[in-house]
């Protein structure tokens, strides 16, 4: 596997600046290594959906710390993914062989039902939670399969939600702030009945040859 440092070094060569400018972004993309062993970890963020998530977290344009130059976030994420896979897969290409496509392993509630449940549990009104709930259900919409709620509907996804929405969510109905991660954990528990780990989502997931591919990077100074 390619370390985030080498991706950062490659970014500096392609876009200018220093490797330290880019390291946090590439570490963000590779943080799933802490949760999923081997190359399977890449499938969470190393795809077209992952590009969208990074744009939501960092903005459509990423500002280089050393000089303030703006670079399209998409270009940096695509560079990282291309160096790992040789191409940028779609979410469908990543998970077309996942057992979830063929087995009903989880039975999540609908987004509307979860909004009502959150309002009942945490107070406020269902509309207060609509944006967060819809974000968690985006993989379900893209893959047209409710089983894939678990791609974000897990303990790691609650951390991603905090990166996306900030440390606190403000309820529109009354202005009260709630910790984003706490709301996200309740959201997953109310939808599934439990809070799975990211590893749970990858149970039975086959490792295909292209998932372990990486291009040769010159890692010398």
N, C-alpha and C. Protein backbone atom coordinates (compact mmCIF):
# COMPACT_ATOMS: atom_id res chain seq x y z
N UNK A 1 0.83 -1.19 0.00
CA UNK A 1 0.00 0.00 0.00
C UNK A 1 0.87 1.25 0.00
N UNK A 2 0.36 2.30 -0.58
CA UNK A 2 1.09 3.56 -0.66
C UNK A 2 0.75 4.40 0.57
N UNK A 3 1.78 4.85 1.28
CA UNK A 3 1.57 5.69 2.46
C UNK A 3 1.11 7.08 2.04
N UNK A 4 0.32 7.71 2.90
CA UNK A 4 -0.20 9.05 2.60
C UNK A 4 0.92 10.05 2.31
N UNK A 5 2.08 9.84 2.95
CA UNK A 5 3.21 10.75 2.73
C UNK A 5 3.64 10.75 1.27
N UNK A 6 3.62 9.57 0.64
CA UNK A 6 4.06 9.48 -0.75
C UNK A 6 3.03 10.10 -1.69
N UNK A 7 1.75 9.97 -1.35
CA UNK A 7 0.73 10.69 -2.12
C UNK A 7 0.94 12.19 -1.99
N UNK A 8 1.26 12.65 -0.78
CA UNK A 8 1.49 14.08 -0.55
C UNK A 8 2.70 14.57 -1.33
N UNK A 9 3.73 13.76 -1.36
CA UNK A 9 4.94 14.11 -2.11
C UNK A 9 4.63 14.20 -3.60
N UNK A 10 3.80 13.28 -4.08
CA UNK A 10 3.39 13.30 -5.48
C UNK A 10 2.58 14.55 -5.79
N UNK A 11 1.70 14.95 -4.87
CA UNK A 11 0.90 16.17 -5.06
C UNK A 11 1.80 17.39 -5.19
N UNK A 12 2.82 17.46 -4.34
CA UNK A 12 3.73 18.61 -4.37
C UNK A 12 4.46 18.68 -5.71
N UNK A 13 4.80 17.54 -6.25
CA UNK A 13 5.49 17.52 -7.55
C UNK A 13 4.56 17.97 -8.67
N UNK A 14 3.29 17.58 -8.58
CA UNK A 14 2.35 17.90 -9.64
C UNK A 14 1.77 19.30 -9.55
N UNK A 15 1.53 19.77 -8.31
CA UNK A 15 0.79 21.02 -8.13
C UNK A 15 1.58 22.13 -7.46
N UNK A 16 2.82 21.82 -7.02
CA UNK A 16 3.62 22.82 -6.34
C UNK A 16 3.41 22.79 -4.84
N UNK A 17 4.16 23.62 -4.12
CA UNK A 17 4.08 23.61 -2.67
C UNK A 17 4.93 22.49 -2.09
N UNK A 18 4.70 22.19 -0.83
CA UNK A 18 5.47 21.14 -0.16
C UNK A 18 4.57 19.98 0.23
N UNK A 19 5.18 18.85 0.54
CA UNK A 19 4.39 17.67 0.90
C UNK A 19 3.56 17.91 2.16
N UNK A 20 4.06 18.76 3.07
CA UNK A 20 3.31 19.05 4.29
C UNK A 20 1.99 19.77 4.01
N UNK A 21 1.91 20.48 2.88
CA UNK A 21 0.66 21.13 2.49
C UNK A 21 -0.45 20.10 2.29
N UNK A 22 -0.10 18.99 1.67
CA UNK A 22 -1.09 18.03 1.19
C UNK A 22 -1.32 16.85 2.12
N UNK A 23 -0.41 16.66 3.08
CA UNK A 23 -0.47 15.45 3.90
C UNK A 23 -1.81 15.27 4.63
N UNK A 24 -2.39 16.32 5.26
CA UNK A 24 -3.67 16.11 5.96
C UNK A 24 -4.79 15.59 5.05
N UNK A 25 -4.85 16.07 3.82
CA UNK A 25 -5.89 15.61 2.89
C UNK A 25 -5.71 14.13 2.56
N UNK A 26 -4.47 13.73 2.30
CA UNK A 26 -4.22 12.33 1.96
C UNK A 26 -4.38 11.42 3.18
N UNK A 27 -4.08 11.94 4.37
CA UNK A 27 -4.34 11.16 5.59
C UNK A 27 -5.84 10.98 5.81
N UNK A 28 -6.61 12.00 5.45
CA UNK A 28 -8.07 11.89 5.55
C UNK A 28 -8.57 10.75 4.66
N UNK A 29 -8.06 10.67 3.45
CA UNK A 29 -8.48 9.62 2.52
C UNK A 29 -8.09 8.23 3.00
N UNK A 30 -6.97 8.14 3.73
CA UNK A 30 -6.46 6.85 4.16
C UNK A 30 -6.79 6.50 5.61
N UNK A 31 -7.60 7.32 6.27
CA UNK A 31 -7.89 7.06 7.68
C UNK A 31 -8.62 5.74 7.90
N UNK A 32 -9.25 5.22 6.86
CA UNK A 32 -9.97 3.95 6.98
C UNK A 32 -9.03 2.77 7.21
N UNK A 33 -7.71 2.98 7.01
CA UNK A 33 -6.74 1.92 7.32
C UNK A 33 -6.82 1.50 8.78
N UNK A 34 -7.22 2.42 9.64
CA UNK A 34 -7.30 2.13 11.07
C UNK A 34 -8.49 1.23 11.41
N UNK A 35 -9.41 1.06 10.46
CA UNK A 35 -10.65 0.33 10.73
C UNK A 35 -10.77 -0.96 9.93
N UNK A 36 -10.21 -0.97 8.73
CA UNK A 36 -10.36 -2.11 7.83
C UNK A 36 -8.98 -2.58 7.39
N UNK A 37 -8.64 -3.85 7.60
CA UNK A 37 -7.32 -4.34 7.22
C UNK A 37 -7.15 -4.47 5.71
N UNK A 38 -5.92 -4.28 5.26
CA UNK A 38 -5.60 -4.49 3.86
C UNK A 38 -6.21 -3.46 2.94
N UNK A 39 -6.23 -3.79 1.66
CA UNK A 39 -6.64 -2.83 0.63
C UNK A 39 -8.14 -2.56 0.60
N UNK A 40 -8.94 -3.38 1.26
CA UNK A 40 -10.38 -3.14 1.26
C UNK A 40 -10.75 -1.78 1.85
N UNK A 41 -9.89 -1.26 2.72
CA UNK A 41 -10.19 0.02 3.35
C UNK A 41 -10.41 1.11 2.31
N UNK A 42 -9.75 0.98 1.16
CA UNK A 42 -9.82 2.02 0.12
C UNK A 42 -11.24 2.22 -0.42
N UNK A 43 -12.06 1.20 -0.34
CA UNK A 43 -13.35 1.25 -1.01
C UNK A 43 -14.32 2.25 -0.40
N UNK A 44 -14.05 2.72 0.81
CA UNK A 44 -14.96 3.67 1.44
C UNK A 44 -14.87 5.04 0.78
N UNK A 45 -13.65 5.55 0.59
CA UNK A 45 -13.47 6.91 0.08
C UNK A 45 -12.78 6.97 -1.27
N UNK A 46 -12.22 5.86 -1.74
CA UNK A 46 -11.46 5.88 -2.99
C UNK A 46 -12.38 5.58 -4.18
N UNK A 47 -13.33 6.46 -4.43
CA UNK A 47 -14.27 6.30 -5.54
C UNK A 47 -14.94 7.64 -5.81
N UNK A 48 -15.83 7.68 -6.78
CA UNK A 48 -16.47 8.94 -7.14
C UNK A 48 -17.29 9.52 -5.99
N UNK A 49 -17.88 8.65 -5.17
CA UNK A 49 -18.61 9.12 -4.00
C UNK A 49 -17.66 9.73 -2.98
N UNK A 50 -16.48 9.13 -2.83
CA UNK A 50 -15.47 9.67 -1.93
C UNK A 50 -15.01 11.06 -2.36
N UNK A 51 -14.93 11.28 -3.66
CA UNK A 51 -14.58 12.62 -4.17
C UNK A 51 -15.63 13.62 -3.71
N UNK A 52 -16.89 13.25 -3.85
CA UNK A 52 -17.99 14.12 -3.41
C UNK A 52 -17.90 14.42 -1.92
N UNK A 53 -17.61 13.40 -1.11
CA UNK A 53 -17.49 13.59 0.33
C UNK A 53 -16.36 14.55 0.66
N UNK A 54 -15.23 14.41 -0.03
CA UNK A 54 -14.09 15.30 0.21
C UNK A 54 -14.42 16.74 -0.17
N UNK A 55 -15.18 16.92 -1.24
CA UNK A 55 -15.60 18.27 -1.62
C UNK A 55 -16.52 18.87 -0.56
N UNK A 56 -17.33 18.03 0.07
CA UNK A 56 -18.21 18.51 1.13
C UNK A 56 -17.42 18.92 2.37
N UNK A 57 -16.34 18.20 2.66
CA UNK A 57 -15.54 18.48 3.85
C UNK A 57 -14.57 19.63 3.61
N UNK A 58 -13.88 19.62 2.46
CA UNK A 58 -12.82 20.60 2.19
C UNK A 58 -13.26 21.75 1.30
N UNK A 59 -14.43 21.63 0.69
CA UNK A 59 -14.87 22.62 -0.27
C UNK A 59 -14.50 22.19 -1.68
N UNK A 60 -15.16 22.76 -2.66
CA UNK A 60 -14.87 22.43 -4.05
C UNK A 60 -13.44 22.81 -4.40
N UNK A 61 -12.95 23.88 -3.80
CA UNK A 61 -11.55 24.28 -3.97
C UNK A 61 -10.83 24.17 -2.63
N UNK A 62 -9.67 23.55 -2.67
CA UNK A 62 -8.84 23.37 -1.48
C UNK A 62 -7.77 24.44 -1.48
N UNK A 63 -7.54 25.07 -0.33
CA UNK A 63 -6.56 26.16 -0.25
C UNK A 63 -5.25 25.64 0.30
N UNK A 64 -4.19 25.83 -0.48
CA UNK A 64 -2.87 25.35 -0.06
C UNK A 64 -2.37 26.21 1.11
N UNK A 65 -2.02 25.58 2.23
CA UNK A 65 -1.65 26.35 3.42
C UNK A 65 -0.44 27.26 3.24
N UNK A 66 0.55 26.82 2.48
CA UNK A 66 1.80 27.58 2.40
C UNK A 66 1.68 28.90 1.67
N UNK A 67 0.77 28.99 0.70
CA UNK A 67 0.68 30.23 -0.08
C UNK A 67 -0.75 30.65 -0.42
N UNK A 68 -1.73 29.89 0.04
CA UNK A 68 -3.12 30.26 -0.18
C UNK A 68 -3.66 29.95 -1.57
N UNK A 69 -2.87 29.30 -2.42
CA UNK A 69 -3.34 28.99 -3.76
C UNK A 69 -4.50 28.01 -3.71
N UNK A 70 -5.49 28.24 -4.58
CA UNK A 70 -6.66 27.36 -4.64
C UNK A 70 -6.48 26.29 -5.71
N UNK A 71 -6.75 25.06 -5.33
CA UNK A 71 -6.66 23.91 -6.24
C UNK A 71 -7.96 23.13 -6.11
N UNK A 72 -8.48 22.66 -7.21
CA UNK A 72 -9.72 21.87 -7.17
C UNK A 72 -9.51 20.63 -6.30
N UNK A 73 -10.31 20.49 -5.27
CA UNK A 73 -10.22 19.33 -4.38
C UNK A 73 -10.32 18.03 -5.17
N UNK A 74 -11.18 18.03 -6.17
CA UNK A 74 -11.39 16.85 -7.00
C UNK A 74 -10.09 16.36 -7.63
N UNK A 75 -9.25 17.29 -8.08
CA UNK A 75 -8.00 16.91 -8.74
C UNK A 75 -7.07 16.18 -7.77
N UNK A 76 -7.00 16.64 -6.54
CA UNK A 76 -6.11 16.03 -5.56
C UNK A 76 -6.61 14.64 -5.16
N UNK A 77 -7.92 14.51 -5.00
CA UNK A 77 -8.47 13.21 -4.62
C UNK A 77 -8.34 12.23 -5.78
N UNK A 78 -8.59 12.69 -6.99
CA UNK A 78 -8.42 11.83 -8.16
C UNK A 78 -6.98 11.36 -8.29
N UNK A 79 -6.03 12.25 -8.01
CA UNK A 79 -4.61 11.86 -8.05
C UNK A 79 -4.35 10.71 -7.10
N UNK A 80 -4.83 10.84 -5.87
CA UNK A 80 -4.63 9.81 -4.85
C UNK A 80 -5.24 8.47 -5.29
N UNK A 81 -6.47 8.52 -5.77
CA UNK A 81 -7.16 7.29 -6.17
C UNK A 81 -6.48 6.64 -7.37
N UNK A 82 -6.10 7.44 -8.34
CA UNK A 82 -5.41 6.91 -9.51
C UNK A 82 -4.10 6.23 -9.13
N UNK A 83 -3.41 6.79 -8.15
CA UNK A 83 -2.14 6.19 -7.72
C UNK A 83 -2.36 4.87 -6.98
N UNK A 84 -3.53 4.69 -6.40
CA UNK A 84 -3.83 3.43 -5.71
C UNK A 84 -4.45 2.38 -6.63
N UNK A 85 -5.35 2.81 -7.51
CA UNK A 85 -6.11 1.86 -8.33
C UNK A 85 -5.72 1.87 -9.81
N UNK A 86 -5.20 3.00 -10.29
CA UNK A 86 -4.96 3.14 -11.72
C UNK A 86 -6.14 3.73 -12.45
N UNK A 87 -7.26 3.92 -11.75
CA UNK A 87 -8.46 4.54 -12.31
C UNK A 87 -9.33 4.97 -11.13
N UNK A 88 -10.39 5.71 -11.41
CA UNK A 88 -11.31 6.16 -10.36
C UNK A 88 -12.61 5.38 -10.49
N UNK A 89 -12.87 4.42 -9.61
CA UNK A 89 -14.09 3.61 -9.73
C UNK A 89 -15.32 4.35 -9.22
N UNK A 90 -16.47 3.93 -9.69
CA UNK A 90 -17.73 4.41 -9.14
C UNK A 90 -18.06 3.60 -7.89
N UNK A 91 -19.06 4.03 -7.16
CA UNK A 91 -19.49 3.28 -5.99
C UNK A 91 -19.99 1.90 -6.40
N UNK A 92 -20.68 1.82 -7.53
CA UNK A 92 -21.18 0.53 -8.02
C UNK A 92 -20.04 -0.42 -8.36
N UNK A 93 -18.98 0.09 -8.98
CA UNK A 93 -17.84 -0.75 -9.33
C UNK A 93 -17.15 -1.28 -8.07
N UNK A 94 -17.13 -0.47 -7.02
CA UNK A 94 -16.49 -0.90 -5.78
C UNK A 94 -17.25 -2.04 -5.10
N UNK A 95 -18.58 -1.98 -5.15
CA UNK A 95 -19.37 -2.87 -4.32
C UNK A 95 -20.28 -3.82 -5.09
N UNK A 96 -20.07 -3.98 -6.39
CA UNK A 96 -20.94 -4.84 -7.17
C UNK A 96 -20.85 -6.31 -6.76
N UNK A 97 -19.74 -6.69 -6.10
CA UNK A 97 -19.58 -8.07 -5.65
C UNK A 97 -19.80 -8.23 -4.15
N UNK A 98 -20.29 -7.18 -3.50
CA UNK A 98 -20.52 -7.24 -2.06
C UNK A 98 -21.71 -8.16 -1.77
N UNK A 99 -21.60 -9.01 -0.73
CA UNK A 99 -22.73 -9.88 -0.38
C UNK A 99 -24.03 -9.13 -0.12
N UNK A 100 -23.93 -7.85 0.27
CA UNK A 100 -25.13 -7.07 0.56
C UNK A 100 -26.03 -6.95 -0.67
N UNK A 101 -25.44 -7.09 -1.86
CA UNK A 101 -26.26 -7.02 -3.07
C UNK A 101 -27.19 -8.23 -3.18
N UNK A 102 -26.84 -9.30 -2.50
CA UNK A 102 -27.58 -10.55 -2.68
C UNK A 102 -28.23 -11.06 -1.39
N UNK A 103 -27.82 -10.53 -0.25
CA UNK A 103 -28.32 -11.02 1.03
C UNK A 103 -28.92 -9.86 1.83
N UNK A 104 -30.06 -10.11 2.41
CA UNK A 104 -30.70 -9.10 3.26
C UNK A 104 -30.14 -9.24 4.68
N UNK A 105 -29.01 -8.58 4.92
CA UNK A 105 -28.34 -8.70 6.21
C UNK A 105 -28.80 -7.64 7.21
N UNK A 106 -29.25 -6.50 6.71
CA UNK A 106 -29.76 -5.46 7.60
C UNK A 106 -31.08 -4.94 7.03
N UNK A 107 -31.86 -4.32 7.90
CA UNK A 107 -33.18 -3.83 7.48
C UNK A 107 -33.38 -2.42 8.02
N UNK A 108 -32.70 -1.44 7.43
CA UNK A 108 -32.82 -0.07 7.93
C UNK A 108 -34.21 0.51 7.70
N UNK A 109 -34.60 1.41 8.60
CA UNK A 109 -35.84 2.15 8.41
C UNK A 109 -35.65 3.17 7.28
N UNK A 110 -36.72 3.77 6.84
CA UNK A 110 -36.64 4.78 5.80
C UNK A 110 -36.15 6.10 6.40
N UNK A 111 -35.61 7.01 5.57
CA UNK A 111 -35.16 8.30 6.08
C UNK A 111 -36.26 9.05 6.84
N UNK A 112 -37.47 9.04 6.32
CA UNK A 112 -38.57 9.76 6.98
C UNK A 112 -38.85 9.17 8.36
N UNK A 113 -38.80 7.85 8.47
CA UNK A 113 -39.04 7.20 9.76
C UNK A 113 -37.95 7.56 10.77
N UNK A 114 -36.71 7.64 10.29
CA UNK A 114 -35.59 7.97 11.18
C UNK A 114 -35.68 9.42 11.65
N UNK A 115 -36.09 10.32 10.77
CA UNK A 115 -36.27 11.72 11.17
C UNK A 115 -37.29 11.83 12.30
N UNK A 116 -38.39 11.13 12.17
CA UNK A 116 -39.42 11.15 13.21
C UNK A 116 -38.87 10.56 14.51
N UNK A 117 -38.12 9.47 14.40
CA UNK A 117 -37.56 8.82 15.59
C UNK A 117 -36.54 9.72 16.29
N UNK A 118 -35.73 10.44 15.51
CA UNK A 118 -34.76 11.36 16.10
C UNK A 118 -35.46 12.49 16.84
N UNK A 119 -36.50 13.04 16.24
CA UNK A 119 -37.24 14.11 16.89
C UNK A 119 -37.89 13.63 18.18
N UNK A 120 -38.37 12.40 18.18
CA UNK A 120 -38.98 11.83 19.39
C UNK A 120 -37.93 11.61 20.47
N UNK A 121 -36.73 11.19 20.06
CA UNK A 121 -35.67 10.86 21.02
C UNK A 121 -34.91 12.09 21.51
N UNK A 122 -34.56 12.98 20.58
CA UNK A 122 -33.69 14.12 20.91
C UNK A 122 -34.44 15.45 20.96
N UNK A 123 -35.74 15.40 20.74
CA UNK A 123 -36.60 16.59 20.72
C UNK A 123 -36.42 17.35 19.40
N UNK A 124 -37.11 18.47 19.30
CA UNK A 124 -37.15 19.19 18.04
C UNK A 124 -38.22 18.61 17.13
N UNK A 125 -38.09 18.90 15.83
CA UNK A 125 -39.04 18.39 14.84
C UNK A 125 -38.28 17.58 13.80
N UNK A 126 -38.96 16.67 13.08
CA UNK A 126 -38.27 15.83 12.09
C UNK A 126 -37.43 16.62 11.09
N UNK A 127 -37.90 17.77 10.66
CA UNK A 127 -37.18 18.55 9.65
C UNK A 127 -35.80 18.99 10.15
N UNK A 128 -35.62 19.11 11.47
CA UNK A 128 -34.33 19.49 12.04
C UNK A 128 -33.22 18.53 11.62
N UNK A 129 -33.58 17.30 11.36
CA UNK A 129 -32.59 16.24 11.13
C UNK A 129 -32.53 15.78 9.68
N UNK A 130 -33.30 16.42 8.83
CA UNK A 130 -33.44 15.94 7.45
C UNK A 130 -32.10 15.90 6.71
N UNK A 131 -31.30 16.97 6.77
CA UNK A 131 -30.06 17.02 6.00
C UNK A 131 -29.08 15.93 6.44
N UNK A 132 -28.94 15.75 7.74
CA UNK A 132 -28.03 14.73 8.25
C UNK A 132 -28.51 13.33 7.86
N UNK A 133 -29.79 13.07 8.01
CA UNK A 133 -30.35 11.76 7.66
C UNK A 133 -30.15 11.47 6.18
N UNK A 134 -30.45 12.44 5.33
CA UNK A 134 -30.29 12.24 3.89
C UNK A 134 -28.84 11.97 3.52
N UNK A 135 -27.90 12.59 4.23
CA UNK A 135 -26.48 12.35 3.98
C UNK A 135 -26.13 10.89 4.27
N UNK A 136 -26.59 10.37 5.38
CA UNK A 136 -26.30 8.98 5.73
C UNK A 136 -26.92 8.00 4.73
N UNK A 137 -28.04 8.38 4.15
CA UNK A 137 -28.73 7.48 3.22
C UNK A 137 -28.30 7.67 1.76
N UNK A 138 -27.32 8.52 1.51
CA UNK A 138 -26.88 8.77 0.13
C UNK A 138 -26.42 7.49 -0.57
N UNK A 139 -25.62 6.61 0.06
CA UNK A 139 -25.24 5.36 -0.62
C UNK A 139 -26.44 4.50 -1.00
N UNK A 140 -27.48 4.51 -0.18
CA UNK A 140 -28.71 3.76 -0.50
C UNK A 140 -29.32 4.29 -1.78
N UNK A 141 -29.34 5.61 -1.91
CA UNK A 141 -29.90 6.25 -3.11
C UNK A 141 -29.06 5.94 -4.34
N UNK A 142 -27.73 6.04 -4.20
CA UNK A 142 -26.84 5.85 -5.35
C UNK A 142 -26.82 4.40 -5.82
N UNK A 143 -26.87 3.47 -4.88
CA UNK A 143 -26.79 2.05 -5.23
C UNK A 143 -28.17 1.39 -5.31
N UNK A 144 -29.20 2.16 -4.99
CA UNK A 144 -30.58 1.66 -5.06
C UNK A 144 -30.74 0.36 -4.29
N UNK A 145 -30.15 0.33 -3.09
CA UNK A 145 -30.20 -0.86 -2.26
C UNK A 145 -30.11 -0.45 -0.80
N UNK A 146 -31.14 -0.70 0.01
CA UNK A 146 -31.13 -0.25 1.40
C UNK A 146 -30.02 -0.87 2.24
N UNK A 147 -29.47 -2.01 1.80
CA UNK A 147 -28.40 -2.65 2.54
C UNK A 147 -27.18 -1.74 2.69
N UNK A 148 -26.99 -0.85 1.73
CA UNK A 148 -25.78 -0.03 1.71
C UNK A 148 -25.87 1.20 2.60
N UNK A 149 -26.93 1.28 3.41
CA UNK A 149 -26.93 2.26 4.49
C UNK A 149 -25.70 2.07 5.37
N UNK A 150 -25.24 0.83 5.49
CA UNK A 150 -24.11 0.51 6.37
C UNK A 150 -22.78 1.07 5.88
N UNK A 151 -22.70 1.57 4.65
CA UNK A 151 -21.44 2.17 4.19
C UNK A 151 -21.10 3.38 5.04
N UNK A 152 -22.09 4.22 5.35
CA UNK A 152 -21.89 5.34 6.26
C UNK A 152 -22.53 5.07 7.62
N UNK A 153 -23.50 4.18 7.66
CA UNK A 153 -24.21 3.90 8.91
C UNK A 153 -23.43 2.97 9.80
N UNK A 154 -22.34 3.48 10.36
CA UNK A 154 -21.47 2.72 11.25
C UNK A 154 -20.69 3.70 12.12
N UNK A 155 -19.88 3.18 13.03
CA UNK A 155 -19.17 4.06 13.96
C UNK A 155 -18.21 5.00 13.24
N UNK A 156 -17.56 4.54 12.17
CA UNK A 156 -16.67 5.42 11.41
C UNK A 156 -17.47 6.51 10.71
N UNK A 157 -18.63 6.16 10.20
CA UNK A 157 -19.47 7.15 9.53
C UNK A 157 -19.87 8.30 10.44
N UNK A 158 -19.97 8.04 11.75
CA UNK A 158 -20.32 9.12 12.66
C UNK A 158 -19.19 10.14 12.76
N UNK A 159 -17.94 9.68 12.62
CA UNK A 159 -16.81 10.61 12.59
C UNK A 159 -16.79 11.40 11.28
N UNK A 160 -17.12 10.73 10.18
CA UNK A 160 -17.21 11.44 8.91
C UNK A 160 -18.29 12.52 8.95
N UNK A 161 -19.39 12.20 9.61
CA UNK A 161 -20.48 13.18 9.73
C UNK A 161 -20.00 14.43 10.46
N UNK A 162 -19.18 14.24 11.48
CA UNK A 162 -18.65 15.38 12.22
C UNK A 162 -17.73 16.21 11.33
N UNK A 163 -16.92 15.54 10.49
CA UNK A 163 -16.06 16.27 9.56
C UNK A 163 -16.89 17.03 8.54
N UNK A 164 -18.01 16.46 8.13
CA UNK A 164 -18.87 17.07 7.11
C UNK A 164 -19.71 18.22 7.66
N UNK A 165 -20.32 18.02 8.84
CA UNK A 165 -21.30 18.98 9.36
C UNK A 165 -20.76 19.86 10.49
N UNK A 166 -19.55 19.57 10.95
CA UNK A 166 -19.01 20.32 12.07
C UNK A 166 -19.27 19.62 13.38
N UNK A 167 -18.67 20.12 14.43
CA UNK A 167 -18.74 19.43 15.72
C UNK A 167 -20.13 19.49 16.35
N UNK A 168 -20.94 20.48 15.95
CA UNK A 168 -22.28 20.60 16.53
C UNK A 168 -23.30 20.90 15.44
N UNK A 169 -24.50 20.34 15.62
CA UNK A 169 -25.64 20.61 14.75
C UNK A 169 -26.60 21.54 15.48
N UNK A 170 -27.06 22.56 14.78
CA UNK A 170 -28.03 23.48 15.38
C UNK A 170 -29.43 23.16 14.87
N UNK A 171 -30.33 22.88 15.80
CA UNK A 171 -31.71 22.59 15.41
C UNK A 171 -32.37 23.87 14.93
N UNK A 172 -32.92 23.84 13.73
CA UNK A 172 -33.56 25.04 13.17
C UNK A 172 -34.81 25.44 13.96
N UNK A 173 -35.47 24.46 14.55
CA UNK A 173 -36.75 24.74 15.21
C UNK A 173 -36.60 25.53 16.50
N UNK A 174 -35.47 25.36 17.19
CA UNK A 174 -35.30 26.06 18.47
C UNK A 174 -33.90 26.63 18.70
N UNK A 175 -33.00 26.42 17.73
CA UNK A 175 -31.65 26.97 17.84
C UNK A 175 -30.71 26.20 18.75
N UNK A 176 -31.17 25.13 19.36
CA UNK A 176 -30.32 24.37 20.27
C UNK A 176 -29.26 23.60 19.50
N UNK A 177 -28.03 23.58 20.06
CA UNK A 177 -26.93 22.84 19.44
C UNK A 177 -26.77 21.48 20.10
N UNK A 178 -26.54 20.47 19.26
CA UNK A 178 -26.31 19.12 19.73
C UNK A 178 -25.02 18.61 19.11
N UNK A 179 -24.21 17.81 19.84
CA UNK A 179 -22.99 17.25 19.26
C UNK A 179 -23.33 16.40 18.03
N UNK A 180 -22.69 16.70 16.92
CA UNK A 180 -22.99 15.99 15.67
C UNK A 180 -22.81 14.49 15.81
N UNK A 181 -21.72 14.08 16.45
CA UNK A 181 -21.46 12.65 16.56
C UNK A 181 -22.52 11.95 17.39
N UNK A 182 -23.00 12.61 18.44
CA UNK A 182 -24.05 12.02 19.26
C UNK A 182 -25.33 11.82 18.46
N UNK A 183 -25.71 12.84 17.69
CA UNK A 183 -26.90 12.73 16.85
C UNK A 183 -26.71 11.63 15.81
N UNK A 184 -25.51 11.57 15.23
CA UNK A 184 -25.23 10.57 14.20
C UNK A 184 -25.31 9.16 14.77
N UNK A 185 -24.79 8.97 15.98
CA UNK A 185 -24.86 7.64 16.61
C UNK A 185 -26.31 7.24 16.87
N UNK A 186 -27.11 8.18 17.35
CA UNK A 186 -28.53 7.89 17.55
C UNK A 186 -29.21 7.56 16.22
N UNK A 187 -28.85 8.29 15.19
CA UNK A 187 -29.43 8.08 13.86
C UNK A 187 -29.21 6.63 13.40
N UNK A 188 -27.96 6.17 13.53
CA UNK A 188 -27.64 4.81 13.08
C UNK A 188 -28.35 3.78 13.95
N UNK A 189 -28.31 3.99 15.26
CA UNK A 189 -28.96 3.04 16.17
C UNK A 189 -30.47 2.96 15.92
N UNK A 190 -31.08 4.10 15.67
CA UNK A 190 -32.53 4.11 15.42
C UNK A 190 -32.88 3.45 14.09
N UNK A 191 -31.96 3.55 13.12
CA UNK A 191 -32.23 2.96 11.81
C UNK A 191 -32.02 1.45 11.80
N UNK A 192 -30.92 1.01 12.44
CA UNK A 192 -30.55 -0.41 12.38
C UNK A 192 -30.88 -1.19 13.65
N UNK A 193 -31.00 -0.48 14.76
CA UNK A 193 -31.18 -1.16 16.03
C UNK A 193 -29.87 -1.38 16.77
N UNK A 194 -28.75 -1.05 16.13
CA UNK A 194 -27.42 -1.18 16.75
C UNK A 194 -26.45 -0.29 15.98
N UNK A 195 -25.26 -0.08 16.54
CA UNK A 195 -24.23 0.73 15.90
C UNK A 195 -23.09 -0.17 15.44
N UNK A 196 -23.07 -0.58 14.17
CA UNK A 196 -22.02 -1.48 13.70
C UNK A 196 -20.69 -0.76 13.51
N UNK A 197 -19.62 -1.53 13.47
CA UNK A 197 -18.32 -0.99 13.10
C UNK A 197 -18.19 -0.99 11.59
N UNK A 198 -17.18 -0.30 11.08
CA UNK A 198 -16.95 -0.32 9.64
C UNK A 198 -16.57 -1.73 9.19
N UNK A 199 -15.87 -2.47 10.04
CA UNK A 199 -15.49 -3.84 9.71
C UNK A 199 -16.73 -4.71 9.45
N UNK A 200 -17.80 -4.46 10.17
CA UNK A 200 -19.05 -5.20 9.98
C UNK A 200 -19.54 -5.08 8.54
N UNK A 201 -19.42 -3.88 7.99
CA UNK A 201 -19.88 -3.66 6.62
C UNK A 201 -19.10 -4.51 5.62
N UNK A 202 -17.82 -4.77 5.90
CA UNK A 202 -16.98 -5.48 4.95
C UNK A 202 -16.98 -7.00 5.14
N UNK A 203 -17.82 -7.52 6.00
CA UNK A 203 -17.88 -8.97 6.17
C UNK A 203 -18.21 -9.65 4.84
N UNK A 204 -17.38 -10.61 4.47
CA UNK A 204 -17.64 -11.38 3.26
C UNK A 204 -17.31 -10.66 1.97
N UNK A 205 -16.76 -9.46 2.06
CA UNK A 205 -16.44 -8.69 0.86
C UNK A 205 -15.20 -9.26 0.19
N UNK A 206 -15.28 -9.68 -1.08
CA UNK A 206 -14.11 -10.24 -1.76
C UNK A 206 -13.10 -9.16 -2.13
N UNK A 207 -11.83 -9.51 -2.08
CA UNK A 207 -10.77 -8.60 -2.50
C UNK A 207 -10.42 -8.93 -3.95
N UNK A 208 -10.78 -8.04 -4.85
CA UNK A 208 -10.50 -8.24 -6.27
C UNK A 208 -9.12 -7.71 -6.61
N UNK A 209 -8.55 -8.18 -7.70
CA UNK A 209 -7.15 -7.86 -8.03
C UNK A 209 -6.91 -6.36 -8.16
N UNK A 210 -7.85 -5.63 -8.76
CA UNK A 210 -7.63 -4.20 -8.98
C UNK A 210 -7.64 -3.41 -7.68
N UNK A 211 -8.19 -3.98 -6.60
CA UNK A 211 -8.26 -3.26 -5.33
C UNK A 211 -6.90 -3.16 -4.65
N UNK A 212 -5.97 -4.03 -5.03
CA UNK A 212 -4.63 -4.02 -4.43
C UNK A 212 -3.59 -3.40 -5.35
N UNK A 213 -4.05 -2.88 -6.47
CA UNK A 213 -3.14 -2.30 -7.45
C UNK A 213 -2.67 -0.93 -6.97
N UNK A 214 -1.43 -0.59 -7.28
CA UNK A 214 -0.97 0.78 -7.07
C UNK A 214 0.13 1.06 -8.08
N UNK A 215 0.23 2.30 -8.53
CA UNK A 215 1.26 2.64 -9.49
C UNK A 215 2.58 2.79 -8.76
N UNK A 216 3.66 2.77 -9.49
CA UNK A 216 4.98 2.93 -8.90
C UNK A 216 5.23 4.40 -8.64
N UNK A 217 5.44 4.74 -7.36
CA UNK A 217 5.75 6.12 -7.00
C UNK A 217 7.22 6.23 -6.62
N UNK A 218 7.86 7.26 -7.10
CA UNK A 218 9.23 7.54 -6.71
C UNK A 218 9.19 8.12 -5.30
N UNK A 219 9.62 7.35 -4.32
CA UNK A 219 9.49 7.79 -2.94
C UNK A 219 10.77 8.40 -2.40
N UNK A 220 11.77 8.55 -3.25
CA UNK A 220 13.00 9.19 -2.81
C UNK A 220 12.85 10.69 -2.83
N UNK A 221 13.65 11.36 -2.01
CA UNK A 221 13.66 12.82 -2.02
C UNK A 221 14.26 13.31 -3.34
